[in-house]
Amino acid sequence: STLPWRESRRLDFANEIVVDADSVAPRKPSRKRWSTLMNSFS
């Protein structure tokens, strides 16, 4: 990581997303604009 103290830690952003239908979505409502540009995972 360009932020060395992040190394060996869990990616925090992974806790902010959830599976929604056949794609992913933010776990909590957000004022920011989320989009899934690509998803070829089942």
PDB file of all heavy atoms in Angstrom:
ATOM      1  N   SER A   1       0.839  -1.197   0.000  1.00  0.00           N
ATOM      2  CA  SER A   1       0.000   0.000   0.000  1.00  0.00           C
ATOM      3  C   SER A   1       0.870   1.241   0.000  1.00  0.00           C
ATOM      4  O   SER A   1       1.971   1.248   0.566  1.00  0.00           O
ATOM      5  CB  SER A   1      -0.923   0.026   1.222  1.00  0.00           C
ATOM      6  OG  SER A   1      -1.707   1.205   1.247  1.00  0.00           O
ATOM      7  N   THR A   2       0.362   2.307  -0.624  1.00  0.00           N
ATOM      8  CA  THR A   2       1.037   3.599  -0.537  1.00  0.00           C
ATOM      9  C   THR A   2       0.932   4.179   0.868  1.00  0.00           C
ATOM     10  O   THR A   2       1.642   5.127   1.199  1.00  0.00           O
ATOM     11  CB  THR A   2       0.440   4.590  -1.547  1.00  0.00           C
ATOM     12  OG1 THR A   2      -0.986   4.653  -1.362  1.00  0.00           O
ATOM     13  CG2 THR A   2       0.748   4.165  -2.982  1.00  0.00           C
ATOM     14  N   LEU A   3       0.035   3.623   1.687  1.00  0.00           N
ATOM     15  CA  LEU A   3      -0.049   3.950   3.110  1.00  0.00           C
ATOM     16  C   LEU A   3       0.473   2.723   3.861  1.00  0.00           C
ATOM     17  O   LEU A   3      -0.271   1.775   4.098  1.00  0.00           O
ATOM     18  CB  LEU A   3      -1.491   4.271   3.513  1.00  0.00           C
ATOM     19  CG  LEU A   3      -2.184   5.378   2.707  1.00  0.00           C
ATOM     20  CD1 LEU A   3      -3.610   5.583   3.212  1.00  0.00           C
ATOM     21  CD2 LEU A   3      -1.395   6.677   2.773  1.00  0.00           C
ATOM     22  N   PRO A   4       1.737   2.700   4.234  1.00  0.00           N
ATOM     23  CA  PRO A   4       2.377   1.467   4.731  1.00  0.00           C
ATOM     24  C   PRO A   4       1.674   0.837   5.927  1.00  0.00           C
ATOM     25  O   PRO A   4       1.711  -0.399   6.087  1.00  0.00           O
ATOM     26  CB  PRO A   4       3.792   1.932   5.105  1.00  0.00           C
ATOM     27  CG  PRO A   4       4.014   3.169   4.321  1.00  0.00           C
ATOM     28  CD  PRO A   4       2.682   3.827   4.175  1.00  0.00           C
ATOM     29  N   TRP A   5       1.046   1.634   6.783  1.00  0.00           N
ATOM     30  CA  TRP A   5       0.382   1.080   7.964  1.00  0.00           C
ATOM     31  C   TRP A   5      -0.861   0.272   7.603  1.00  0.00           C
ATOM     32  O   TRP A   5      -1.413  -0.422   8.449  1.00  0.00           O
ATOM     33  CB  TRP A   5       0.029   2.191   8.942  1.00  0.00           C
ATOM     34  CG  TRP A   5      -0.667   3.361   8.322  1.00  0.00           C
ATOM     35  CD1 TRP A   5      -2.013   3.552   8.171  1.00  0.00           C
ATOM     36  CD2 TRP A   5      -0.048   4.520   7.758  1.00  0.00           C
ATOM     37  NE1 TRP A   5      -2.270   4.738   7.541  1.00  0.00           N
ATOM     38  CE2 TRP A   5      -1.078   5.361   7.276  1.00  0.00           C
ATOM     39  CE3 TRP A   5       1.291   4.931   7.615  1.00  0.00           C
ATOM     40  CZ2 TRP A   5      -0.813   6.581   6.659  1.00  0.00           C
ATOM     41  CZ3 TRP A   5       1.543   6.155   7.007  1.00  0.00           C
ATOM     42  CH2 TRP A   5       0.504   6.954   6.532  1.00  0.00           C
ATOM     43  N   ARG A   6      -1.314   0.348   6.351  1.00  0.00           N
ATOM     44  CA  ARG A   6      -2.444  -0.481   5.921  1.00  0.00           C
ATOM     45  C   ARG A   6      -2.026  -1.931   5.658  1.00  0.00           C
ATOM     46  O   ARG A   6      -2.863  -2.835   5.655  1.00  0.00           O
ATOM     47  CB  ARG A   6      -3.040   0.079   4.636  1.00  0.00           C
ATOM     48  CG  ARG A   6      -3.530   1.500   4.733  1.00  0.00           C
ATOM     49  CD  ARG A   6      -4.928   1.551   5.265  1.00  0.00           C
ATOM     50  NE  ARG A   6      -5.583   2.813   4.929  1.00  0.00           N
ATOM     51  CZ  ARG A   6      -6.336   3.483   5.772  1.00  0.00           C
ATOM     52  NH1 ARG A   6      -6.526   3.040   6.997  1.00  0.00           N
ATOM     53  NH2 ARG A   6      -6.906   4.610   5.397  1.00  0.00           N
ATOM     54  N   GLU A   7      -0.761  -2.129   5.395  1.00  0.00           N
ATOM     55  CA  GLU A   7      -0.285  -3.457   5.002  1.00  0.00           C
ATOM     56  C   GLU A   7      -0.488  -4.474   6.113  1.00  0.00           C
ATOM     57  O   GLU A   7      -0.320  -4.173   7.303  1.00  0.00           O
ATOM     58  CB  GLU A   7       1.189  -3.382   4.591  1.00  0.00           C
ATOM     59  CG  GLU A   7       1.392  -2.553   3.328  1.00  0.00           C
ATOM     60  CD  GLU A   7       2.830  -2.385   2.909  1.00  0.00           C
ATOM     61  OE1 GLU A   7       3.721  -2.882   3.632  1.00  0.00           O
ATOM     62  OE2 GLU A   7       3.074  -1.751   1.873  1.00  0.00           O
ATOM     63  N   SER A   8      -0.893  -5.672   5.712  1.00  0.00           N
ATOM     64  CA  SER A   8      -1.216  -6.806   6.598  1.00  0.00           C
ATOM     65  C   SER A   8      -2.572  -6.646   7.274  1.00  0.00           C
ATOM     66  O   SER A   8      -2.982  -7.524   8.025  1.00  0.00           O
ATOM     67  CB  SER A   8      -0.124  -7.026   7.657  1.00  0.00           C
ATOM     68  OG  SER A   8       1.107  -7.326   7.023  1.00  0.00           O
ATOM     69  N   ARG A   9      -3.278  -5.555   6.995  1.00  0.00           N
ATOM     70  CA  ARG A   9      -4.607  -5.346   7.570  1.00  0.00           C
ATOM     71  C   ARG A   9      -5.684  -5.698   6.556  1.00  0.00           C
ATOM     72  O   ARG A   9      -5.438  -5.818   5.360  1.00  0.00           O
ATOM     73  CB  ARG A   9      -4.769  -3.894   8.012  1.00  0.00           C
ATOM     74  CG  ARG A   9      -3.862  -3.480   9.156  1.00  0.00           C
ATOM     75  CD  ARG A   9      -4.003  -2.005   9.467  1.00  0.00           C
ATOM     76  NE  ARG A   9      -5.390  -1.605   9.680  1.00  0.00           N
ATOM     77  CZ  ARG A   9      -5.775  -0.336   9.866  1.00  0.00           C
ATOM     78  NH1 ARG A   9      -4.879   0.639   9.836  1.00  0.00           N
ATOM     79  NH2 ARG A   9      -7.046  -0.051  10.063  1.00  0.00           N
ATOM     80  N   ARG A  10      -6.900  -5.867   7.038  1.00  0.00           N
ATOM     81  CA  ARG A  10      -8.040  -6.107   6.170  1.00  0.00           C
ATOM     82  C   ARG A  10      -8.432  -4.813   5.470  1.00  0.00           C
ATOM     83  O   ARG A  10      -8.373  -3.729   6.063  1.00  0.00           O
ATOM     84  CB  ARG A  10      -9.224  -6.631   6.990  1.00  0.00           C
ATOM     85  CG  ARG A  10     -10.525  -6.860   6.191  1.00  0.00           C
ATOM     86  CD  ARG A  10     -11.627  -7.371   7.110  1.00  0.00           C
ATOM     87  NE  ARG A  10     -12.926  -7.379   6.441  1.00  0.00           N
ATOM     88  CZ  ARG A  10     -13.399  -8.379   5.712  1.00  0.00           C
ATOM     89  NH1 ARG A  10     -12.662  -9.468   5.550  1.00  0.00           N
ATOM     90  NH2 ARG A  10     -14.590  -8.313   5.140  1.00  0.00           N
ATOM     91  N   LEU A  11      -8.841  -4.939   4.224  1.00  0.00           N
ATOM     92  CA  LEU A  11      -9.314  -3.785   3.483  1.00  0.00           C
ATOM     93  C   LEU A  11     -10.635  -3.314   4.071  1.00  0.00           C
ATOM     94  O   LEU A  11     -11.644  -4.028   4.023  1.00  0.00           O
ATOM     95  CB  LEU A  11      -9.488  -4.144   2.005  1.00  0.00           C
ATOM     96  CG  LEU A  11     -10.027  -3.030   1.109  1.00  0.00           C
ATOM     97  CD1 LEU A  11      -8.991  -1.919   0.960  1.00  0.00           C
ATOM     98  CD2 LEU A  11     -10.449  -3.579  -0.249  1.00  0.00           C
ATOM     99  N   ASP A  12     -10.669  -2.096   4.608  1.00  0.00           N
ATOM    100  CA  ASP A  12     -11.878  -1.573   5.241  1.00  0.00           C
ATOM    101  C   ASP A  12     -13.043  -1.490   4.262  1.00  0.00           C
ATOM    102  O   ASP A  12     -14.196  -1.721   4.635  1.00  0.00           O
ATOM    103  CB  ASP A  12     -11.606  -0.182   5.826  1.00  0.00           C
ATOM    104  CG  ASP A  12     -10.598  -0.203   6.962  1.00  0.00           C
ATOM    105  OD1 ASP A  12     -10.432  -1.277   7.577  1.00  0.00           O
ATOM    106  OD2 ASP A  12      -9.977   0.840   7.224  1.00  0.00           O
ATOM    107  N   PHE A  13     -12.757  -1.166   3.022  1.00  0.00           N
ATOM    108  CA  PHE A  13     -13.816  -0.989   2.036  1.00  0.00           C
ATOM    109  C   PHE A  13     -14.611  -2.273   1.820  1.00  0.00           C
ATOM    110  O   PHE A  13     -15.793  -2.221   1.454  1.00  0.00           O
ATOM    111  CB  PHE A  13     -13.212  -0.520   0.710  1.00  0.00           C
ATOM    112  CG  PHE A  13     -14.235  -0.145  -0.334  1.00  0.00           C
ATOM    113  CD1 PHE A  13     -15.002   0.996  -0.194  1.00  0.00           C
ATOM    114  CD2 PHE A  13     -14.418  -0.934  -1.460  1.00  0.00           C
ATOM    115  CE1 PHE A  13     -15.942   1.347  -1.156  1.00  0.00           C
ATOM    116  CE2 PHE A  13     -15.349  -0.595  -2.427  1.00  0.00           C
ATOM    117  CZ  PHE A  13     -16.113   0.552  -2.280  1.00  0.00           C
ATOM    118  N   ALA A  14     -13.992  -3.430   2.063  1.00  0.00           N
ATOM    119  CA  ALA A  14     -14.707  -4.703   1.905  1.00  0.00           C
ATOM    120  C   ALA A  14     -15.880  -4.806   2.875  1.00  0.00           C
ATOM    121  O   ALA A  14     -16.854  -5.529   2.607  1.00  0.00           O
ATOM    122  CB  ALA A  14     -13.752  -5.875   2.111  1.00  0.00           C
ATOM    123  N   ASN A  15     -15.795  -4.091   4.002  1.00  0.00           N
ATOM    124  CA  ASN A  15     -16.889  -4.108   4.978  1.00  0.00           C
ATOM    125  C   ASN A  15     -18.043  -3.191   4.570  1.00  0.00           C
ATOM    126  O   ASN A  15     -19.104  -3.228   5.194  1.00  0.00           O
ATOM    127  CB  ASN A  15     -16.368  -3.677   6.352  1.00  0.00           C
ATOM    128  CG  ASN A  15     -15.272  -4.588   6.873  1.00  0.00           C
ATOM    129  OD1 ASN A  15     -15.277  -5.784   6.609  1.00  0.00           O
ATOM    130  ND2 ASN A  15     -14.324  -4.020   7.596  1.00  0.00           N
ATOM    131  N   GLU A  16     -17.824  -2.371   3.559  1.00  0.00           N
ATOM    132  CA  GLU A  16     -18.842  -1.406   3.144  1.00  0.00           C
ATOM    133  C   GLU A  16     -19.728  -1.901   2.010  1.00  0.00           C
ATOM    134  O   GLU A  16     -20.674  -1.220   1.629  1.00  0.00           O
ATOM    135  CB  GLU A  16     -18.172  -0.094   2.710  1.00  0.00           C
ATOM    136  CG  GLU A  16     -17.387   0.596   3.813  1.00  0.00           C
ATOM    137  CD  GLU A  16     -16.782   1.904   3.344  1.00  0.00           C
ATOM    138  OE1 GLU A  16     -17.405   2.549   2.472  1.00  0.00           O
ATOM    139  OE2 GLU A  16     -15.702   2.271   3.831  1.00  0.00           O
ATOM    140  N   ILE A  17     -19.417  -3.068   1.451  1.00  0.00           N
ATOM    141  CA  ILE A  17     -20.189  -3.572   0.321  1.00  0.00           C
ATOM    142  C   ILE A  17     -20.859  -4.895   0.675  1.00  0.00           C
ATOM    143  O   ILE A  17     -20.363  -5.657   1.513  1.00  0.00           O
ATOM    144  CB  ILE A  17     -19.312  -3.747  -0.928  1.00  0.00           C
ATOM    145  CG1 ILE A  17     -18.102  -4.658  -0.629  1.00  0.00           C
ATOM    146  CG2 ILE A  17     -18.846  -2.407  -1.449  1.00  0.00           C
ATOM    147  CD1 ILE A  17     -17.213  -4.882  -1.833  1.00  0.00           C
ATOM    148  N   VAL A  18     -21.999  -5.141   0.044  1.00  0.00           N
ATOM    149  CA  VAL A  18     -22.735  -6.390   0.247  1.00  0.00           C
ATOM    150  C   VAL A  18     -23.238  -6.882  -1.106  1.00  0.00           C
ATOM    151  O   VAL A  18     -23.327  -6.117  -2.074  1.00  0.00           O
ATOM    152  CB  VAL A  18     -23.942  -6.197   1.197  1.00  0.00           C
ATOM    153  CG1 VAL A  18     -23.496  -5.896   2.605  1.00  0.00           C
ATOM    154  CG2 VAL A  18     -24.870  -5.117   0.662  1.00  0.00           C
ATOM    155  N   VAL A  19     -23.587  -8.158  -1.149  1.00  0.00           N
ATOM    156  CA  VAL A  19     -24.195  -8.721  -2.348  1.00  0.00           C
ATOM    157  C   VAL A  19     -25.665  -8.333  -2.376  1.00  0.00           C
ATOM    158  O   VAL A  19     -26.387  -8.495  -1.400  1.00  0.00           O
ATOM    159  CB  VAL A  19     -24.047 -10.258  -2.367  1.00  0.00           C
ATOM    160  CG1 VAL A  19     -24.770 -10.852  -3.571  1.00  0.00           C
ATOM    161  CG2 VAL A  19     -22.572 -10.648  -2.370  1.00  0.00           C
ATOM    162  N   ASP A  20     -26.089  -7.796  -3.499  1.00  0.00           N
ATOM    163  CA  ASP A  20     -27.475  -7.371  -3.671  1.00  0.00           C
ATOM    164  C   ASP A  20     -27.938  -7.892  -5.032  1.00  0.00           C
ATOM    165  O   ASP A  20     -27.448  -7.432  -6.063  1.00  0.00           O
ATOM    166  CB  ASP A  20     -27.566  -5.849  -3.620  1.00  0.00           C
ATOM    167  CG  ASP A  20     -29.003  -5.356  -3.658  1.00  0.00           C
ATOM    168  OD1 ASP A  20     -29.910  -6.173  -3.499  1.00  0.00           O
ATOM    169  OD2 ASP A  20     -29.192  -4.138  -3.861  1.00  0.00           O
ATOM    170  N   ALA A  21     -28.867  -8.873  -5.018  1.00  0.00           N
ATOM    171  CA  ALA A  21     -29.280  -9.560  -6.242  1.00  0.00           C
ATOM    172  C   ALA A  21     -28.050 -10.227  -6.846  1.00  0.00           C
ATOM    173  O   ALA A  21     -27.374 -10.993  -6.162  1.00  0.00           O
ATOM    174  CB  ALA A  21     -29.955  -8.596  -7.200  1.00  0.00           C
ATOM    175  N   ASP A  22     -27.721  -9.921  -8.089  1.00  0.00           N
ATOM    176  CA  ASP A  22     -26.562 -10.533  -8.728  1.00  0.00           C
ATOM    177  C   ASP A  22     -25.393  -9.569  -8.844  1.00  0.00           C
ATOM    178  O   ASP A  22     -24.502  -9.756  -9.668  1.00  0.00           O
ATOM    179  CB  ASP A  22     -26.943 -11.046 -10.127  1.00  0.00           C
ATOM    180  CG  ASP A  22     -27.903 -12.215 -10.065  1.00  0.00           C
ATOM    181  OD1 ASP A  22     -27.774 -13.033  -9.131  1.00  0.00           O
ATOM    182  OD2 ASP A  22     -28.782 -12.312 -10.940  1.00  0.00           O
ATOM    183  N   SER A  23     -25.407  -8.521  -8.002  1.00  0.00           N
ATOM    184  CA  SER A  23     -24.328  -7.557  -8.047  1.00  0.00           C
ATOM    185  C   SER A  23     -23.965  -7.160  -6.617  1.00  0.00           C
ATOM    186  O   SER A  23     -24.263  -7.888  -5.671  1.00  0.00           O
ATOM    187  CB  SER A  23     -24.752  -6.338  -8.869  1.00  0.00           C
ATOM    188  OG  SER A  23     -23.652  -5.480  -9.082  1.00  0.00           O
ATOM    189  N   VAL A  24     -23.323  -6.020  -6.451  1.00  0.00           N
ATOM    190  CA  VAL A  24     -22.939  -5.541  -5.125  1.00  0.00           C
ATOM    191  C   VAL A  24     -23.506  -4.146  -4.932  1.00  0.00           C
ATOM    192  O   VAL A  24     -23.828  -3.435  -5.888  1.00  0.00           O
ATOM    193  CB  VAL A  24     -21.413  -5.526  -4.934  1.00  0.00           C
ATOM    194  CG1 VAL A  24     -20.852  -6.932  -5.027  1.00  0.00           C
ATOM    195  CG2 VAL A  24     -20.742  -4.613  -5.949  1.00  0.00           C
ATOM    196  N   ALA A  25     -23.623  -3.747  -3.675  1.00  0.00           N
ATOM    197  CA  ALA A  25     -24.198  -2.451  -3.320  1.00  0.00           C
ATOM    198  C   ALA A  25     -23.576  -1.979  -2.019  1.00  0.00           C
ATOM    199  O   ALA A  25     -22.967  -2.769  -1.285  1.00  0.00           O
ATOM    200  CB  ALA A  25     -25.712  -2.571  -3.175  1.00  0.00           C
ATOM    201  N   PRO A  26     -23.715  -0.687  -1.702  1.00  0.00           N
ATOM    202  CA  PRO A  26     -23.208  -0.213  -0.410  1.00  0.00           C
ATOM    203  C   PRO A  26     -24.018  -0.797   0.734  1.00  0.00           C
ATOM    204  O   PRO A  26     -25.233  -0.932   0.639  1.00  0.00           O
ATOM    205  CB  PRO A  26     -23.376   1.309  -0.498  1.00  0.00           C
ATOM    206  CG  PRO A  26     -24.424   1.522  -1.531  1.00  0.00           C
ATOM    207  CD  PRO A  26     -24.275   0.406  -2.512  1.00  0.00           C
ATOM    208  N   ARG A  27     -23.322  -1.146   1.811  1.00  0.00           N
ATOM    209  CA  ARG A  27     -24.010  -1.740   2.961  1.00  0.00           C
ATOM    210  C   ARG A  27     -24.958  -0.738   3.616  1.00  0.00           C
ATOM    211  O   ARG A  27     -26.033  -1.101   4.092  1.00  0.00           O
ATOM    212  CB  ARG A  27     -22.976  -2.222   3.985  1.00  0.00           C
ATOM    213  CG  ARG A  27     -23.564  -2.888   5.224  1.00  0.00           C
ATOM    214  CD  ARG A  27     -22.473  -3.425   6.125  1.00  0.00           C
ATOM    215  NE  ARG A  27     -21.744  -4.498   5.469  1.00  0.00           N
ATOM    216  CZ  ARG A  27     -22.137  -5.769   5.456  1.00  0.00           C
ATOM    217  NH1 ARG A  27     -23.262  -6.124   6.074  1.00  0.00           N
ATOM    218  NH2 ARG A  27     -21.421  -6.685   4.846  1.00  0.00           N
ATOM    219  N   LYS A  28     -24.576   0.532   3.638  1.00  0.00           N
ATOM    220  CA  LYS A  28     -25.408   1.575   4.227  1.00  0.00           C
ATOM    221  C   LYS A  28     -25.721   2.629   3.171  1.00  0.00           C
ATOM    222  O   LYS A  28     -24.933   2.823   2.237  1.00  0.00           O
ATOM    223  CB  LYS A  28     -24.685   2.232   5.417  1.00  0.00           C
ATOM    224  CG  LYS A  28     -24.397   1.282   6.569  1.00  0.00           C
ATOM    225  CD  LYS A  28     -23.662   2.010   7.687  1.00  0.00           C
ATOM    226  CE  LYS A  28     -23.366   1.077   8.850  1.00  0.00           C
ATOM    227  NZ  LYS A  28     -22.632   1.780   9.950  1.00  0.00           N
ATOM    228  N   PRO A  29     -26.840   3.308   3.298  1.00  0.00           N
ATOM    229  CA  PRO A  29     -27.162   4.376   2.346  1.00  0.00           C
ATOM    230  C   PRO A  29     -26.029   5.403   2.294  1.00  0.00           C
ATOM    231  O   PRO A  29     -25.412   5.728   3.303  1.00  0.00           O
ATOM    232  CB  PRO A  29     -28.442   4.990   2.916  1.00  0.00           C
ATOM    233  CG  PRO A  29     -29.042   3.897   3.747  1.00  0.00           C
ATOM    234  CD  PRO A  29     -27.901   3.133   4.324  1.00  0.00           C
ATOM    235  N   SER A  30     -25.777   5.901   1.105  1.00  0.00           N
ATOM    236  CA  SER A  30     -24.673   6.833   0.927  1.00  0.00           C
ATOM    237  C   SER A  30     -25.093   7.974   0.003  1.00  0.00           C
ATOM    238  O   SER A  30     -25.862   7.767  -0.943  1.00  0.00           O
ATOM    239  CB  SER A  30     -23.455   6.114   0.333  1.00  0.00           C
ATOM    240  OG  SER A  30     -22.435   7.025   0.019  1.00  0.00           O
ATOM    241  N   ARG A  31     -24.583   9.159   0.280  1.00  0.00           N
ATOM    242  CA  ARG A  31     -24.826  10.289  -0.602  1.00  0.00           C
ATOM    243  C   ARG A  31     -23.925  10.239  -1.820  1.00  0.00           C
ATOM    244  O   ARG A  31     -24.151  10.961  -2.795  1.00  0.00           O
ATOM    245  CB  ARG A  31     -24.605  11.598   0.155  1.00  0.00           C
ATOM    246  CG  ARG A  31     -25.610  11.848   1.279  1.00  0.00           C
ATOM    247  CD  ARG A  31     -25.365  13.194   1.934  1.00  0.00           C
ATOM    248  NE  ARG A  31     -26.334  13.467   2.988  1.00  0.00           N
ATOM    249  CZ  ARG A  31     -26.341  14.567   3.732  1.00  0.00           C
ATOM    250  NH1 ARG A  31     -25.415  15.499   3.518  1.00  0.00           N
ATOM    251  NH2 ARG A  31     -27.254  14.732   4.671  1.00  0.00           N
ATOM    252  N   LYS A  32     -22.929   9.398  -1.764  1.00  0.00           N
ATOM    253  CA  LYS A  32     -22.029   9.260  -2.897  1.00  0.00           C
ATOM    254  C   LYS A  32     -22.678   8.367  -3.961  1.00  0.00           C
ATOM    255  O   LYS A  32     -23.545   7.548  -3.665  1.00  0.00           O
ATOM    256  CB  LYS A  32     -20.698   8.651  -2.449  1.00  0.00           C
ATOM    257  CG  LYS A  32     -19.958   9.506  -1.428  1.00  0.00           C
ATOM    258  CD  LYS A  32     -18.680   8.850  -0.975  1.00  0.00           C
ATOM    259  CE  LYS A  32     -17.962   9.688   0.080  1.00  0.00           C
ATOM    260  NZ  LYS A  32     -16.720   9.044   0.566  1.00  0.00           N
ATOM    261  N   ARG A  33     -22.264   8.533  -5.185  1.00  0.00           N
ATOM    262  CA  ARG A  33     -22.836   7.788  -6.303  1.00  0.00           C
ATOM    263  C   ARG A  33     -22.047   6.497  -6.507  1.00  0.00           C
ATOM    264  O   ARG A  33     -20.875   6.521  -6.875  1.00  0.00           O
ATOM    265  CB  ARG A  33     -22.811   8.635  -7.571  1.00  0.00           C
ATOM    266  CG  ARG A  33     -23.449   7.962  -8.781  1.00  0.00           C
ATOM    267  CD  ARG A  33     -23.552   8.961  -9.923  1.00  0.00           C
ATOM    268  NE  ARG A  33     -24.150   8.345 -11.098  1.00  0.00           N
ATOM    269  CZ  ARG A  33     -23.454   7.793 -12.091  1.00  0.00           C
ATOM    270  NH1 ARG A  33     -22.136   7.798 -12.042  1.00  0.00           N
ATOM    271  NH2 ARG A  33     -24.060   7.260 -13.127  1.00  0.00           N
ATOM    272  N   TRP A  34     -22.695   5.369  -6.233  1.00  0.00           N
ATOM    273  CA  TRP A  34     -22.085   4.054  -6.396  1.00  0.00           C
ATOM    274  C   TRP A  34     -22.511   3.468  -7.735  1.00  0.00           C
ATOM    275  O   TRP A  34     -23.659   3.606  -8.157  1.00  0.00           O
ATOM    276  CB  TRP A  34     -22.547   3.110  -5.290  1.00  0.00           C
ATOM    277  CG  TRP A  34     -21.896   3.328  -3.965  1.00  0.00           C
ATOM    278  CD1 TRP A  34     -21.949   4.450  -3.193  1.00  0.00           C
ATOM    279  CD2 TRP A  34     -21.101   2.389  -3.238  1.00  0.00           C
ATOM    280  NE1 TRP A  34     -21.242   4.268  -2.029  1.00  0.00           N
ATOM    281  CE2 TRP A  34     -20.717   3.014  -2.028  1.00  0.00           C
ATOM    282  CE3 TRP A  34     -20.695   1.079  -3.479  1.00  0.00           C
ATOM    283  CZ2 TRP A  34     -19.940   2.379  -1.076  1.00  0.00           C
ATOM    284  CZ3 TRP A  34     -19.920   0.439  -2.534  1.00  0.00           C
ATOM    285  CH2 TRP A  34     -19.543   1.085  -1.345  1.00  0.00           C
ATOM    286  N   SER A  35     -21.600   2.765  -8.381  1.00  0.00           N
ATOM    287  CA  SER A  35     -21.949   2.031  -9.592  1.00  0.00           C
ATOM    288  C   SER A  35     -21.032   0.820  -9.731  1.00  0.00           C
ATOM    289  O   SER A  35     -19.880   0.845  -9.284  1.00  0.00           O
ATOM    290  CB  SER A  35     -21.843   2.924 -10.827  1.00  0.00           C
ATOM    291  OG  SER A  35     -20.539   3.469 -10.949  1.00  0.00           O
ATOM    292  N   THR A  36     -21.567  -0.233 -10.315  1.00  0.00           N
ATOM    293  CA  THR A  36     -20.781  -1.425 -10.621  1.00  0.00           C
ATOM    294  C   THR A  36     -20.522  -1.403 -12.123  1.00  0.00           C
ATOM    295  O   THR A  36     -21.416  -1.701 -12.914  1.00  0.00           O
ATOM    296  CB  THR A  36     -21.533  -2.708 -10.221  1.00  0.00           C
ATOM    297  OG1 THR A  36     -21.857  -2.641  -8.831  1.00  0.00           O
ATOM    298  CG2 THR A  36     -20.667  -3.936 -10.472  1.00  0.00           C
ATOM    299  N   LEU A  37     -19.310  -1.019 -12.507  1.00  0.00           N
ATOM    300  CA  LEU A  37     -18.993  -0.905 -13.924  1.00  0.00           C
ATOM    301  C   LEU A  37     -18.891  -2.265 -14.592  1.00  0.00           C
ATOM    302  O   LEU A  37     -19.161  -2.392 -15.785  1.00  0.00           O
ATOM    303  CB  LEU A  37     -17.675  -0.152 -14.117  1.00  0.00           C
ATOM    304  CG  LEU A  37     -17.657   1.338 -13.776  1.00  0.00           C
ATOM    305  CD1 LEU A  37     -16.336   1.947 -14.201  1.00  0.00           C
ATOM    306  CD2 LEU A  37     -18.808   2.069 -14.453  1.00  0.00           C
ATOM    307  N   MET A  38     -18.504  -3.260 -13.834  1.00  0.00           N
ATOM    308  CA  MET A  38     -18.323  -4.588 -14.400  1.00  0.00           C
ATOM    309  C   MET A  38     -18.474  -5.629 -13.316  1.00  0.00           C
ATOM    310  O   MET A  38     -18.017  -5.448 -12.186  1.00  0.00           O
ATOM    311  CB  MET A  38     -16.938  -4.702 -15.047  1.00  0.00           C
ATOM    312  CG  MET A  38     -16.610  -6.062 -15.629  1.00  0.00           C
ATOM    313  SD  MET A  38     -15.092  -6.007 -16.603  1.00  0.00           S
ATOM    314  CE  MET A  38     -15.604  -4.921 -17.932  1.00  0.00           C
ATOM    315  N   ASN A  39     -19.137  -6.733 -13.640  1.00  0.00           N
ATOM    316  CA  ASN A  39     -19.226  -7.872 -12.735  1.00  0.00           C
ATOM    317  C   ASN A  39     -19.445  -9.132 -13.549  1.00  0.00           C
ATOM    318  O   ASN A  39     -20.496  -9.303 -14.163  1.00  0.00           O
ATOM    319  CB  ASN A  39     -20.369  -7.710 -11.728  1.00  0.00           C
ATOM    320  CG  ASN A  39     -20.559  -8.981 -10.901  1.00  0.00           C
ATOM    321  OD1 ASN A  39     -19.585  -9.649 -10.590  1.00  0.00           O
ATOM    322  ND2 ASN A  39     -21.788  -9.321 -10.593  1.00  0.00           N
ATOM    323  N   SER A  40     -18.453  -9.988 -13.600  1.00  0.00           N
ATOM    324  CA  SER A  40     -18.599 -11.272 -14.270  1.00  0.00           C
ATOM    325  C   SER A  40     -18.535 -12.429 -13.276  1.00  0.00           C
ATOM    326  O   SER A  40     -18.394 -13.579 -13.666  1.00  0.00           O
ATOM    327  CB  SER A  40     -17.532 -11.442 -15.361  1.00  0.00           C
ATOM    328  OG  SER A  40     -16.231 -11.270 -14.840  1.00  0.00           O
ATOM    329  N   PHE A  41     -18.644 -12.109 -11.965  1.00  0.00           N
ATOM    330  CA  PHE A  41     -18.771 -13.135 -10.934  1.00  0.00           C
ATOM    331  C   PHE A  41     -20.227 -13.598 -10.882  1.00  0.00           C
ATOM    332  O   PHE A  41     -21.149 -12.797 -11.043  1.00  0.00           O
ATOM    333  CB  PHE A  41     -18.392 -12.587  -9.557  1.00  0.00           C
ATOM    334  CG  PHE A  41     -16.919 -12.435  -9.313  1.00  0.00           C
ATOM    335  CD1 PHE A  41     -16.227 -11.335  -9.810  1.00  0.00           C
ATOM    336  CD2 PHE A  41     -16.213 -13.378  -8.577  1.00  0.00           C
ATOM    337  CE1 PHE A  41     -14.878 -11.184  -9.578  1.00  0.00           C
ATOM    338  CE2 PHE A  41     -14.861 -13.237  -8.339  1.00  0.00           C
ATOM    339  CZ  PHE A  41     -14.187 -12.134  -8.841  1.00  0.00           C
ATOM    340  N   SER A  42     -20.443 -14.872 -10.616  1.00  0.00           N
ATOM    341  CA  SER A  42     -21.796 -15.356 -10.360  1.00  0.00           C
ATOM    342  C   SER A  42     -22.218 -14.937  -8.954  1.00  0.00           C
ATOM    343  O   SER A  42     -21.377 -14.532  -8.141  1.00  0.00           O
ATOM    344  CB  SER A  42     -21.859 -16.882 -10.476  1.00  0.00           C
ATOM    345  OG  SER A  42     -21.124 -17.486  -9.413  1.00  0.00           O
TER     346      SER A  42
END
